[in-house]
Amino acid sequence: MSPVPDVRTGAPEVSVVICVYTEDRWGDILAAVASVRDQSYPALETLLVVDHNPALLRRLAKTYGDDGAGAEEGAQRVRVLANAGPRGLSAGRNTGVAAAAGEVIAFLDDDAVAERDWLLHFAEGYADPRVMAVGGRTQPVWASRRRPAWFPEEFDWVVGCSYRGLPPGRVAVRNVLGGNASFRRSGLEAVGGFASGIGRDGQRLPLGGEETELCIRLTRALPDAVLLIDDRSVIHHRVPPARERFRYFRTRAYAEGLSKALVARSVGTREGLASERRYTTRVLPAGVARGLRDALLGRPGGAGRAGAIVAGVAAAAGGYALGTLRARRGASSFAVAKLEAPTDGEVADGRWAPDGPSGAPVGRRAPDGASACEGAGG
């Protein structure tokens, strides 16, 4: 078993945020929390942020005995909070960050489980004070028990997992991947939270890119900042049957193109697409060649993988073109939240709302349970 760093010697205290939105993932949510409890490097607390689902909020609060202030679970607290901003993953994460007490905030998907040393390797990365974010490796757990023969590893990001082409080991990167990532609190406080209007909201297209925009904003504001991926920080992410199908593959690739257009519009194409250029000019052509070679050798799925890569690139390019056009016309926008800690009462009943960079509201609790959101992501 790996040694446990002693927080008294300078290793950071880590709060873990898990954003949840549906009772359909009840078993997954319980498994995610259990994996955090079982860490060799104990979390300071686990925060479950519920995205505009009162029934799920009540059920989780009852399960963990929490009213928003935090229930004691051995050395950890499990806190159940309402997303205080507009519907969506970005506002949920911002709610968790603002309410968390740790020096480092880690994010875990609600349908994933972390390996025992997940937080240990995150914490080790922050020994360098320049490090502002550490991400990990996410492995798919296919509902069918095996990867579909046609599904290329180069596109595992489609199902929220690490993909072929990412550098191995512990290396500096442009951005971490949001479902398995951690950030130093001081960095987030310096630049604001995740942008609303880019990422997922549980109902629209499966958008993404909010962590990319945040990481670029972070390194712009703090030029000496270092962002790492450590592939020893491993989580296992469940892939449901619907996401093993080509229809979802194509839709997700298209949505990623829309998201990249928003990011590029905000930070410029040079930074917004720097990693994507290497990916599309080197990683993907190698994947197509590998698939065609496998087809010639009679290996299952080779032609399908090559075709899927081409189709995925085409779908993403189409989304990017449309997203760029919409952004130029002002039809798509997003806003960055300030991170201000709410009171326990505001978090518990959902009254807290983060503000935009100039004090304009990014999200607020609207009458009759509706949500107000600035911008449209697609």
Protein backbone atom coordinates (compact mmCIF):
# COMPACT_ATOMS: atom_id res chain seq x y z
CA MET A 1 0.00 0.00 0.00
CA SER A 2 1.22 3.48 -0.82
CA PRO A 3 2.32 5.71 2.06
CA VAL A 4 -0.10 8.40 3.18
CA PRO A 5 1.32 11.93 3.10
CA ASP A 6 1.00 13.80 6.38
CA VAL A 7 -0.89 17.05 5.88
CA ARG A 8 1.17 18.55 8.68
CA THR A 9 4.26 18.38 6.46
CA GLY A 10 2.66 20.54 3.78
CA ALA A 11 0.60 18.12 1.70
CA PRO A 12 -2.69 19.84 0.85
CA GLU A 13 -6.14 19.11 2.23
CA VAL A 14 -8.39 18.01 -0.63
CA SER A 15 -12.15 18.51 -1.01
CA VAL A 16 -13.82 16.22 -3.55
CA VAL A 17 -16.78 17.54 -5.57
CA ILE A 18 -19.16 15.12 -7.30
CA CYS A 19 -21.88 16.75 -9.41
CA VAL A 20 -25.08 14.70 -9.75
CA TYR A 21 -28.36 15.26 -11.55
CA THR A 22 -30.45 12.08 -11.86
CA GLU A 23 -31.70 9.26 -9.65
CA ASP A 24 -31.07 6.90 -12.58
CA ARG A 25 -27.43 6.90 -11.46
CA TRP A 26 -28.19 6.20 -7.80
CA GLY A 27 -25.96 3.14 -7.59
CA ASP A 28 -23.18 4.93 -9.45
CA ILE A 29 -23.34 7.88 -7.06
CA LEU A 30 -23.06 5.65 -4.00
CA ALA A 31 -20.12 3.82 -5.59
CA ALA A 32 -18.37 7.10 -6.39
CA VAL A 33 -18.70 8.31 -2.79
CA ALA A 34 -17.53 4.94 -1.48
CA SER A 35 -14.41 5.12 -3.64
CA VAL A 36 -13.58 8.54 -2.18
CA ARG A 37 -14.02 7.20 1.36
CA ASP A 38 -11.59 4.39 0.57
CA GLN A 39 -8.72 6.63 -0.51
CA SER A 40 -5.24 5.98 0.89
CA TYR A 41 -4.94 9.78 1.12
CA PRO A 42 -8.16 10.76 2.90
CA ALA A 43 -10.27 13.55 1.50
CA LEU A 44 -11.11 16.40 3.83
CA GLU A 45 -14.73 16.20 2.68
CA THR A 46 -16.95 15.01 -0.15
CA LEU A 47 -19.47 17.44 -1.62
CA LEU A 48 -22.41 16.11 -3.63
CA VAL A 49 -23.85 18.97 -5.72
CA VAL A 50 -27.35 18.21 -7.00
CA ASP A 51 -28.37 19.89 -10.25
CA HIS A 52 -31.97 21.13 -9.87
CA ASN A 53 -33.46 17.81 -8.77
CA PRO A 54 -35.25 18.24 -5.41
CA ALA A 55 -36.16 14.55 -5.10
CA LEU A 56 -32.53 13.49 -5.53
CA LEU A 57 -31.40 16.23 -3.13
CA ARG A 58 -33.75 14.95 -0.41
CA ARG A 59 -32.82 11.32 -1.00
CA LEU A 60 -29.08 11.98 -0.78
CA ALA A 61 -29.50 14.20 2.29
CA LYS A 62 -31.41 11.39 3.99
CA THR A 63 -28.87 8.76 2.96
CA TYR A 64 -25.88 10.73 4.23
CA GLY A 65 -27.67 12.40 7.14
CA ASP A 66 -26.80 15.85 5.86
CA ASP A 67 -28.68 19.15 5.78
CA GLY A 68 -25.99 21.01 3.82
CA ALA A 69 -23.61 21.69 6.69
CA GLY A 70 -21.96 18.28 6.44
CA ALA A 71 -22.39 14.91 8.12
CA GLU A 72 -19.40 13.36 9.84
CA GLU A 73 -18.21 10.10 8.28
CA GLY A 74 -15.14 9.10 10.26
CA ALA A 75 -12.44 11.56 9.25
CA GLN A 76 -14.56 12.86 6.35
CA ARG A 77 -17.70 14.89 5.84
CA VAL A 78 -20.28 14.16 3.17
CA ARG A 79 -22.14 17.33 2.24
CA VAL A 80 -25.22 17.43 0.03
CA LEU A 81 -25.75 20.77 -1.71
CA ALA A 82 -28.13 22.22 -4.27
CA ASN A 83 -26.60 23.68 -7.42
CA ALA A 84 -27.06 27.38 -6.72
CA GLY A 85 -26.49 28.57 -10.28
CA PRO A 86 -28.12 27.84 -13.63
CA ARG A 87 -28.72 24.25 -14.62
CA GLY A 88 -25.55 22.56 -15.80
CA LEU A 89 -22.23 21.03 -14.87
CA SER A 90 -20.25 24.29 -14.80
CA ALA A 91 -22.52 25.96 -12.24
CA GLY A 92 -22.60 22.76 -10.20
CA ARG A 93 -18.82 22.69 -10.03
CA ASN A 94 -18.74 26.36 -9.09
CA THR A 95 -21.19 25.71 -6.27
CA GLY A 96 -18.92 22.95 -4.98
CA VAL A 97 -15.76 25.05 -5.24
CA ALA A 98 -17.32 27.98 -3.38
CA ALA A 99 -18.56 25.74 -0.56
CA ALA A 100 -15.43 23.57 -0.25
CA ALA A 101 -12.92 24.00 2.56
CA GLY A 102 -9.88 22.30 1.01
CA GLU A 103 -6.78 23.95 -0.44
CA VAL A 104 -7.25 21.67 -3.45
CA ILE A 105 -10.59 20.80 -5.04
CA ALA A 106 -10.83 17.52 -6.94
CA PHE A 107 -13.65 16.58 -9.29
CA LEU A 108 -14.98 13.07 -9.84
CA ASP A 109 -17.72 12.10 -12.28
CA ASP A 110 -20.87 10.71 -10.71
CA ASP A 111 -20.64 7.53 -12.80
CA ALA A 112 -17.00 6.78 -12.01
CA VAL A 113 -15.03 5.16 -9.21
CA ALA A 114 -11.53 6.19 -8.19
CA GLU A 115 -8.65 3.84 -7.53
CA ARG A 116 -7.31 3.87 -3.99
CA ASP A 117 -4.29 6.13 -4.67
CA TRP A 118 -6.19 8.62 -6.84
CA LEU A 119 -5.95 11.52 -4.39
CA LEU A 120 -2.46 10.53 -3.24
CA HIS A 121 -0.97 11.22 -6.67
CA PHE A 122 -2.98 14.41 -7.04
CA ALA A 123 -1.62 15.66 -3.71
CA GLU A 124 1.97 14.81 -4.66
CA GLY A 125 1.73 17.10 -7.67
CA TYR A 126 1.03 20.13 -5.50
CA ALA A 127 4.39 19.89 -3.74
CA ASP A 128 5.49 22.36 -6.43
CA PRO A 129 3.79 25.69 -5.60
CA ARG A 130 3.60 26.56 -9.29
CA VAL A 131 1.24 23.65 -9.96
CA MET A 132 -2.33 24.92 -10.26
CA ALA A 133 -4.05 21.80 -11.63
CA VAL A 134 -3.44 18.05 -11.75
CA GLY A 135 -5.51 15.67 -13.86
CA GLY A 136 -5.50 11.91 -14.09
CA ARG A 137 -6.24 8.95 -16.36
CA THR A 138 -9.82 7.85 -16.97
CA GLN A 139 -10.43 4.30 -18.18
CA PRO A 140 -13.72 3.23 -19.78
CA VAL A 141 -15.89 0.49 -18.29
CA TRP A 142 -18.03 -0.62 -21.22
CA ALA A 143 -21.60 -1.72 -20.50
CA SER A 144 -21.16 -4.52 -23.04
CA ARG A 145 -18.02 -5.61 -21.13
CA ARG A 146 -15.77 -4.92 -24.12
CA ARG A 147 -14.91 -2.01 -26.37
CA PRO A 148 -17.06 -1.98 -29.54
CA ALA A 149 -14.84 -3.24 -32.35
CA TRP A 150 -15.42 -0.09 -34.40
CA PHE A 151 -14.74 2.39 -31.56
CA PRO A 152 -11.25 4.00 -31.96
CA GLU A 153 -9.19 4.64 -28.82
CA GLU A 154 -8.29 8.01 -30.30
CA PHE A 155 -11.90 9.07 -29.63
CA ASP A 156 -12.31 7.82 -26.07
CA TRP A 157 -12.85 11.46 -25.07
CA VAL A 158 -16.30 11.00 -26.63
CA VAL A 159 -17.23 8.87 -23.60
CA GLY A 160 -15.36 11.05 -21.09
CA CYS A 161 -12.17 8.99 -20.95
CA SER A 162 -8.47 9.40 -21.64
CA TYR A 163 -7.66 8.80 -25.29
CA ARG A 164 -4.79 7.56 -27.39
CA GLY A 165 -2.52 10.52 -28.05
CA LEU A 166 -2.30 11.85 -24.50
CA PRO A 167 1.27 11.85 -23.18
CA PRO A 168 2.11 9.12 -20.64
CA GLY A 169 3.48 9.61 -17.11
CA ARG A 170 3.31 12.88 -15.20
CA VAL A 171 3.68 15.68 -17.72
CA ALA A 172 2.76 19.32 -18.22
CA VAL A 173 -0.30 19.88 -20.43
CA ARG A 174 -2.43 22.74 -21.75
CA ASN A 175 -5.55 21.54 -19.96
CA VAL A 176 -6.79 18.74 -17.74
CA LEU A 177 -9.95 16.70 -18.37
CA GLY A 178 -12.78 17.78 -16.11
CA GLY A 179 -14.20 14.46 -14.91
CA ASN A 180 -10.89 13.47 -13.31
CA ALA A 181 -9.12 16.65 -12.28
CA SER A 182 -8.08 18.84 -9.39
CA PHE A 183 -7.32 22.54 -9.01
CA ARG A 184 -5.54 24.64 -6.43
CA ARG A 185 -8.13 26.88 -4.80
CA SER A 186 -5.96 30.00 -5.05
CA GLY A 187 -5.78 29.60 -8.83
CA LEU A 188 -9.54 29.32 -9.19
CA GLU A 189 -10.09 32.31 -6.93
CA ALA A 190 -7.67 34.34 -9.07
CA VAL A 191 -9.46 33.73 -12.37
CA GLY A 192 -13.03 32.79 -11.50
CA GLY A 193 -14.88 29.53 -11.92
CA PHE A 194 -16.03 27.35 -14.78
CA ALA A 195 -17.83 29.26 -17.52
CA SER A 196 -21.58 28.74 -17.82
CA GLY A 197 -22.88 28.30 -21.35
CA ILE A 198 -20.18 25.91 -22.60
CA GLY A 199 -20.51 22.62 -20.74
CA ARG A 200 -23.29 20.14 -20.20
CA ASP A 201 -26.65 20.91 -18.69
CA GLY A 202 -28.16 17.41 -18.75
CA GLN A 203 -30.74 18.26 -21.43
CA ARG A 204 -29.12 19.80 -24.49
CA LEU A 205 -26.40 18.47 -26.75
CA PRO A 206 -23.50 16.75 -24.91
CA LEU A 207 -21.26 19.81 -24.97
CA GLY A 208 -17.84 20.14 -23.36
CA GLY A 209 -14.78 22.37 -23.34
CA GLU A 210 -15.37 24.25 -20.09
CA GLU A 211 -12.23 22.86 -18.47
CA THR A 212 -10.18 23.80 -21.55
CA GLU A 213 -11.36 27.41 -21.38
CA LEU A 214 -10.70 27.55 -17.63
CA CYS A 215 -7.19 26.14 -17.95
CA ILE A 216 -6.23 28.58 -20.70
CA ARG A 217 -7.65 31.45 -18.66
CA LEU A 218 -5.67 30.22 -15.66
CA THR A 219 -2.32 30.12 -17.46
CA ARG A 220 -2.96 33.51 -19.05
CA ALA A 221 -3.59 35.11 -15.67
CA LEU A 222 -0.76 33.22 -13.95
CA PRO A 223 2.05 32.85 -16.53
CA ASP A 224 4.18 30.70 -14.20
CA ALA A 225 1.33 28.24 -13.57
CA VAL A 226 1.96 24.56 -14.33
CA LEU A 227 -0.84 22.14 -15.21
CA LEU A 228 -0.12 18.43 -15.02
CA ILE A 229 -1.60 15.09 -15.97
CA ASP A 230 -0.46 12.19 -13.78
CA ASP A 231 -1.62 8.91 -15.28
CA ARG A 232 -1.26 7.17 -11.91
CA SER A 233 -4.38 9.02 -10.69
CA VAL A 234 -6.83 6.56 -12.20
CA ILE A 235 -10.60 6.45 -12.25
CA HIS A 236 -12.90 3.96 -13.98
CA HIS A 237 -15.77 5.58 -15.86
CA ARG A 238 -18.93 3.66 -16.72
CA VAL A 239 -20.02 3.85 -20.37
CA PRO A 240 -23.76 3.06 -20.71
CA PRO A 241 -25.11 1.16 -23.74
CA ALA A 242 -26.41 4.30 -25.48
CA ARG A 243 -22.91 5.76 -25.57
CA GLU A 244 -21.48 2.69 -27.27
CA ARG A 245 -23.51 3.48 -30.38
CA PHE A 246 -22.33 5.36 -33.44
CA ARG A 247 -25.19 7.84 -33.21
CA TYR A 248 -23.93 9.12 -29.85
CA PHE A 249 -20.33 9.09 -31.14
CA ARG A 250 -21.27 11.36 -34.03
CA THR A 251 -23.45 13.66 -31.91
CA ARG A 252 -20.77 14.07 -29.24
CA ALA A 253 -18.11 14.84 -31.85
CA TYR A 254 -20.39 17.46 -33.41
CA ALA A 255 -21.08 18.99 -29.99
CA GLU A 256 -17.35 19.14 -29.26
CA GLY A 257 -16.90 21.17 -32.43
CA LEU A 258 -19.54 23.63 -31.23
CA SER A 259 -17.77 23.90 -27.87
CA LYS A 260 -14.32 24.40 -29.41
CA ALA A 261 -15.69 27.27 -31.48
CA LEU A 262 -16.82 29.03 -28.29
CA VAL A 263 -13.47 28.42 -26.62
CA ALA A 264 -11.52 29.63 -29.66
CA ARG A 265 -13.72 32.70 -29.91
CA SER A 266 -12.88 33.53 -26.29
CA VAL A 267 -9.15 32.81 -26.11
CA GLY A 268 -8.13 32.86 -29.78
CA THR A 269 -7.50 29.97 -32.15
CA ARG A 270 -3.77 29.87 -31.40
CA GLU A 271 -4.30 28.80 -27.80
CA GLY A 272 -7.80 27.40 -28.14
CA LEU A 273 -6.80 24.87 -30.80
CA ALA A 274 -3.09 24.30 -30.11
CA SER A 275 -3.47 20.75 -28.80
CA GLU A 276 -6.13 19.94 -31.38
CA ARG A 277 -3.74 20.71 -34.25
CA ARG A 278 -1.29 18.04 -33.14
CA TYR A 279 -4.16 15.64 -32.50
CA THR A 280 -5.72 16.10 -35.95
CA THR A 281 -2.48 16.19 -37.94
CA ARG A 282 -0.55 13.40 -36.19
CA VAL A 283 -2.63 11.26 -33.84
CA LEU A 284 -5.70 10.80 -36.02
CA PRO A 285 -3.90 10.05 -39.32
CA ALA A 286 -1.88 7.41 -37.46
CA GLY A 287 -5.16 5.97 -36.16
CA VAL A 288 -6.64 5.77 -39.65
CA ALA A 289 -3.50 4.08 -40.94
CA ARG A 290 -3.59 1.60 -38.05
CA GLY A 291 -7.23 0.80 -38.74
CA LEU A 292 -6.62 0.24 -42.46
CA ARG A 293 -3.63 -1.97 -41.67
CA ASP A 294 -5.74 -4.04 -39.30
CA ALA A 295 -8.40 -4.37 -42.01
CA LEU A 296 -5.83 -5.62 -44.50
CA LEU A 297 -4.62 -8.14 -41.93
CA GLY A 298 -8.16 -9.34 -41.35
CA ARG A 299 -8.40 -8.07 -37.78
CA PRO A 300 -11.93 -7.28 -36.54
CA GLY A 301 -13.08 -3.67 -36.65
CA GLY A 302 -10.11 -2.18 -38.45
CA ALA A 303 -12.08 -0.61 -41.30
CA GLY A 304 -14.78 0.50 -38.86
CA ARG A 305 -12.25 2.29 -36.65
CA ALA A 306 -10.70 4.07 -39.61
CA GLY A 307 -14.14 5.11 -40.84
CA ALA A 308 -15.21 6.27 -37.39
CA ILE A 309 -12.14 8.53 -37.12
CA VAL A 310 -12.97 10.14 -40.46
CA ALA A 311 -16.64 10.53 -39.51
CA GLY A 312 -15.72 11.96 -36.10
CA VAL A 313 -13.42 14.55 -37.63
CA ALA A 314 -16.09 15.52 -40.15
CA ALA A 315 -18.74 15.88 -37.43
CA ALA A 316 -16.45 17.96 -35.20
CA ALA A 317 -15.45 20.16 -38.14
CA GLY A 318 -19.11 20.73 -38.99
CA GLY A 319 -19.88 21.67 -35.40
CA TYR A 320 -16.90 24.00 -35.27
CA ALA A 321 -17.93 25.76 -38.48
CA LEU A 322 -21.48 26.28 -37.27
CA GLY A 323 -20.32 27.31 -33.80
CA THR A 324 -17.92 29.85 -35.26
CA LEU A 325 -20.69 31.35 -37.38
CA ARG A 326 -23.01 31.56 -34.37
CA ALA A 327 -20.32 33.14 -32.22
CA ARG A 328 -19.61 35.79 -34.84
CA ARG A 329 -23.29 36.63 -34.98
CA GLY A 330 -23.45 36.83 -31.20
CA ALA A 331 -25.88 33.91 -30.92
CA SER A 332 -23.61 31.95 -28.59
CA SER A 333 -21.94 33.24 -25.45
CA PHE A 334 -20.87 32.27 -21.99
CA ALA A 335 -20.05 33.95 -18.71
CA VAL A 336 -17.49 33.36 -15.97
CA ALA A 337 -18.61 33.19 -12.35
CA LYS A 338 -16.96 34.80 -9.36
CA LEU A 339 -16.31 32.30 -6.61
CA GLU A 340 -17.74 33.62 -3.38
CA ALA A 341 -18.42 31.32 -0.48
CA PRO A 342 -22.14 31.07 0.37
CA THR A 343 -23.52 30.66 3.85
CA ASP A 344 -24.71 27.22 4.90
CA GLY A 345 -28.31 28.41 4.68
CA GLU A 346 -27.87 29.75 1.16
CA VAL A 347 -26.28 26.53 -0.05
CA ALA A 348 -28.86 24.32 1.62
CA ASP A 349 -31.88 26.06 0.08
CA GLY A 350 -30.31 27.12 -3.23
CA ARG A 351 -30.47 30.88 -2.69
CA TRP A 352 -26.80 31.51 -3.45
CA ALA A 353 -25.91 32.53 -7.01
CA PRO A 354 -22.44 33.29 -8.39
CA ASP A 355 -21.93 36.63 -10.07
CA GLY A 356 -20.29 37.45 -13.36
CA PRO A 357 -16.96 39.25 -13.64
CA SER A 358 -18.55 42.69 -13.48
CA GLY A 359 -21.14 41.79 -10.86
CA ALA A 360 -23.83 40.90 -13.41
CA PRO A 361 -25.64 37.71 -12.45
CA VAL A 362 -24.50 34.62 -14.30
CA GLY A 363 -27.12 32.43 -12.71
CA ARG A 364 -29.87 32.89 -10.21
CA ARG A 365 -32.66 30.90 -8.77
CA ALA A 366 -35.65 31.73 -10.96
CA PRO A 367 -39.27 31.61 -9.83
CA ASP A 368 -41.13 28.30 -9.80
CA GLY A 369 -37.97 26.23 -9.97
CA ALA A 370 -36.93 27.46 -13.41
CA SER A 371 -33.28 28.25 -14.06
CA ALA A 372 -31.84 31.36 -15.63
CA CYS A 373 -28.79 30.97 -17.85
CA GLU A 374 -26.81 33.49 -19.83
CA GLY A 375 -25.86 32.38 -23.30
CA ALA A 376 -26.64 29.32 -25.35
CA GLY A 377 -24.22 26.53 -25.85
CA GLY A 378 -25.52 25.18 -29.07
